[in-house]
Amino acid sequence: MDNPARDHQTRHDGPRDQREATLRGALGKCPNCGEGRMFIGYLKTVPECAVCGEKLGLYRAADGPAFFTITIVMLLLIPLIWLSWALFSTEPFTLMLFLCGVTTVITLVLLRLVKGIFVAFLWAHDERDRGA
């Protein structure tokens, strides 16, 4: 059964602070209270904040975080390829291993960060998944 006091805490009549929400989202925290966790495991959004009861599962990020992560990684790869070519130009296999490893690490770190920001941005603008 729903708790009326908890439901009252999650209502927002005024505008939501987008900057504060996205900073909290980048840290993996609830964009509403800043205390609860936004994720279960690596990327799964919690259905509801354990601290304030905000229903974070209603804010579906879909493919947005993946698109932005790919874009950022590709932009970072331009100088990275140039730098690694200068360092490993005589060893193509080493160059390939270095680029694959660095690209994988950057992608995995950025994906969670971008998804947190994306969900918090959706929360700040109250863009819930209203169904088809």
Protein backbone atom coordinates (compact mmCIF):
# COMPACT_ATOMS: atom_id res chain seq x y z
CA MET A 1 0.00 0.00 0.00
CA ASP A 2 1.31 3.47 -0.84
CA ASN A 3 2.41 5.77 1.93
CA PRO A 4 0.66 9.19 1.57
CA ALA A 5 3.50 11.01 3.35
CA ARG A 6 6.03 9.49 0.97
CA ASP A 7 3.90 10.37 -2.08
CA HIS A 8 3.69 13.95 -0.86
CA GLN A 9 7.51 14.16 -0.78
CA THR A 10 7.81 13.17 -4.42
CA ARG A 11 5.38 15.75 -5.80
CA HIS A 12 6.99 18.74 -7.46
CA ASP A 13 4.84 21.78 -8.12
CA GLY A 14 7.64 24.17 -9.10
CA PRO A 15 10.55 23.89 -11.50
CA ARG A 16 13.26 21.35 -10.78
CA ASP A 17 16.90 22.43 -10.60
CA GLN A 18 18.46 20.89 -13.70
CA ARG A 19 22.08 21.65 -12.74
CA GLU A 20 21.80 20.08 -9.31
CA ALA A 21 19.86 17.09 -10.67
CA THR A 22 22.42 16.34 -13.40
CA LEU A 23 25.31 16.65 -10.94
CA ARG A 24 23.58 14.19 -8.64
CA GLY A 25 22.87 11.91 -11.61
CA ALA A 26 26.54 12.00 -12.66
CA LEU A 27 27.41 10.77 -9.17
CA GLY A 28 24.84 7.97 -9.45
CA LYS A 29 22.58 9.51 -6.82
CA CYS A 30 18.84 10.20 -6.86
CA PRO A 31 18.24 13.52 -8.66
CA ASN A 32 15.49 14.40 -6.17
CA CYS A 33 17.17 13.91 -2.77
CA GLY A 34 20.82 13.30 -3.68
CA GLU A 35 21.08 10.51 -1.10
CA GLY A 36 19.55 7.38 -2.61
CA ARG A 37 21.23 5.28 -5.30
CA MET A 38 20.14 5.65 -8.90
CA PHE A 39 21.43 2.29 -10.14
CA ILE A 40 21.13 -1.36 -9.24
CA GLY A 41 24.37 -2.90 -10.42
CA TYR A 42 26.06 -1.25 -13.38
CA LEU A 43 23.29 0.36 -15.48
CA LYS A 44 19.85 -0.73 -14.28
CA THR A 45 17.88 2.21 -12.88
CA VAL A 46 16.20 1.58 -9.53
CA PRO A 47 12.40 1.52 -9.78
CA GLU A 48 12.11 3.86 -6.78
CA CYS A 49 14.56 5.79 -4.61
CA ALA A 50 15.00 4.01 -1.28
CA VAL A 51 15.36 7.33 0.58
CA CYS A 52 12.72 9.70 -0.84
CA GLY A 53 10.49 7.34 -2.83
CA GLU A 54 10.93 9.15 -6.18
CA LYS A 55 9.89 6.78 -8.97
CA LEU A 56 13.06 6.84 -11.07
CA GLY A 57 11.99 3.81 -13.10
CA LEU A 58 9.52 6.02 -14.96
CA TYR A 59 12.34 7.98 -16.62
CA ARG A 60 13.48 5.76 -19.48
CA ALA A 61 16.77 6.70 -21.06
CA ALA A 62 16.46 4.22 -23.98
CA ASP A 63 19.37 4.59 -26.44
CA GLY A 64 20.26 8.19 -25.57
CA PRO A 65 23.16 7.40 -23.20
CA ALA A 66 24.69 4.94 -25.68
CA PHE A 67 24.50 7.49 -28.51
CA PHE A 68 26.13 10.24 -26.44
CA THR A 69 28.78 7.87 -25.09
CA ILE A 70 29.73 6.72 -28.61
CA THR A 71 29.93 10.34 -29.75
CA ILE A 72 32.16 11.38 -26.83
CA VAL A 73 34.43 8.34 -27.20
CA MET A 74 34.85 8.96 -30.93
CA LEU A 75 35.81 12.59 -30.26
CA LEU A 76 38.31 11.46 -27.62
CA LEU A 77 39.77 8.88 -29.98
CA ILE A 78 40.96 11.49 -32.48
CA PRO A 79 43.78 12.85 -30.29
CA LEU A 80 44.27 9.44 -28.66
CA ILE A 81 45.00 7.76 -32.00
CA TRP A 82 47.42 10.53 -32.91
CA LEU A 83 49.24 10.26 -29.57
CA SER A 84 49.35 6.47 -29.58
CA TRP A 85 50.61 6.45 -33.18
CA ALA A 86 53.49 8.68 -32.08
CA LEU A 87 54.27 6.30 -29.21
CA PHE A 88 53.73 2.88 -30.87
CA SER A 89 54.18 3.49 -34.62
CA THR A 90 56.78 0.73 -34.97
CA GLU A 91 54.58 -1.83 -33.20
CA PRO A 92 51.14 -2.07 -34.87
CA PHE A 93 49.98 -4.90 -32.63
CA THR A 94 50.85 -2.92 -29.49
CA LEU A 95 49.06 0.10 -30.97
CA MET A 96 45.94 -1.98 -31.57
CA LEU A 97 45.95 -3.51 -28.07
CA PHE A 98 46.51 -0.12 -26.44
CA LEU A 99 43.67 1.53 -28.39
CA CYS A 100 41.26 -1.34 -27.75
CA GLY A 101 42.00 -1.35 -24.03
CA VAL A 102 41.76 2.42 -23.59
CA THR A 103 38.59 2.63 -25.71
CA THR A 104 36.93 -0.11 -23.66
CA VAL A 105 37.79 1.51 -20.33
CA ILE A 106 36.70 5.00 -21.46
CA THR A 107 33.42 3.61 -22.83
CA LEU A 108 32.54 1.67 -19.68
CA VAL A 109 33.30 4.62 -17.41
CA LEU A 110 31.45 7.16 -19.55
CA LEU A 111 28.36 5.01 -20.15
CA ARG A 112 27.33 4.92 -16.49
CA LEU A 113 28.16 8.61 -16.05
CA VAL A 114 26.18 9.64 -19.14
CA LYS A 115 23.20 7.45 -18.21
CA GLY A 116 23.06 9.03 -14.75
CA ILE A 117 23.13 12.51 -16.27
CA PHE A 118 20.54 11.52 -18.89
CA VAL A 119 18.05 10.09 -16.38
CA ALA A 120 18.54 13.11 -14.11
CA PHE A 121 17.95 15.45 -17.06
CA LEU A 122 14.72 13.61 -17.88
CA TRP A 123 13.71 13.87 -14.21
CA ALA A 124 14.47 17.63 -14.13
CA HIS A 125 12.17 18.16 -17.12
CA ASP A 126 9.60 15.61 -15.86
CA GLU A 127 9.83 13.60 -19.09
CA ARG A 128 8.36 10.30 -17.94
CA ASP A 129 7.66 7.26 -20.04
CA ARG A 130 3.92 7.62 -20.54
CA GLY A 131 3.59 4.50 -22.67
CA ALA A 132 2.70 4.11 -26.32
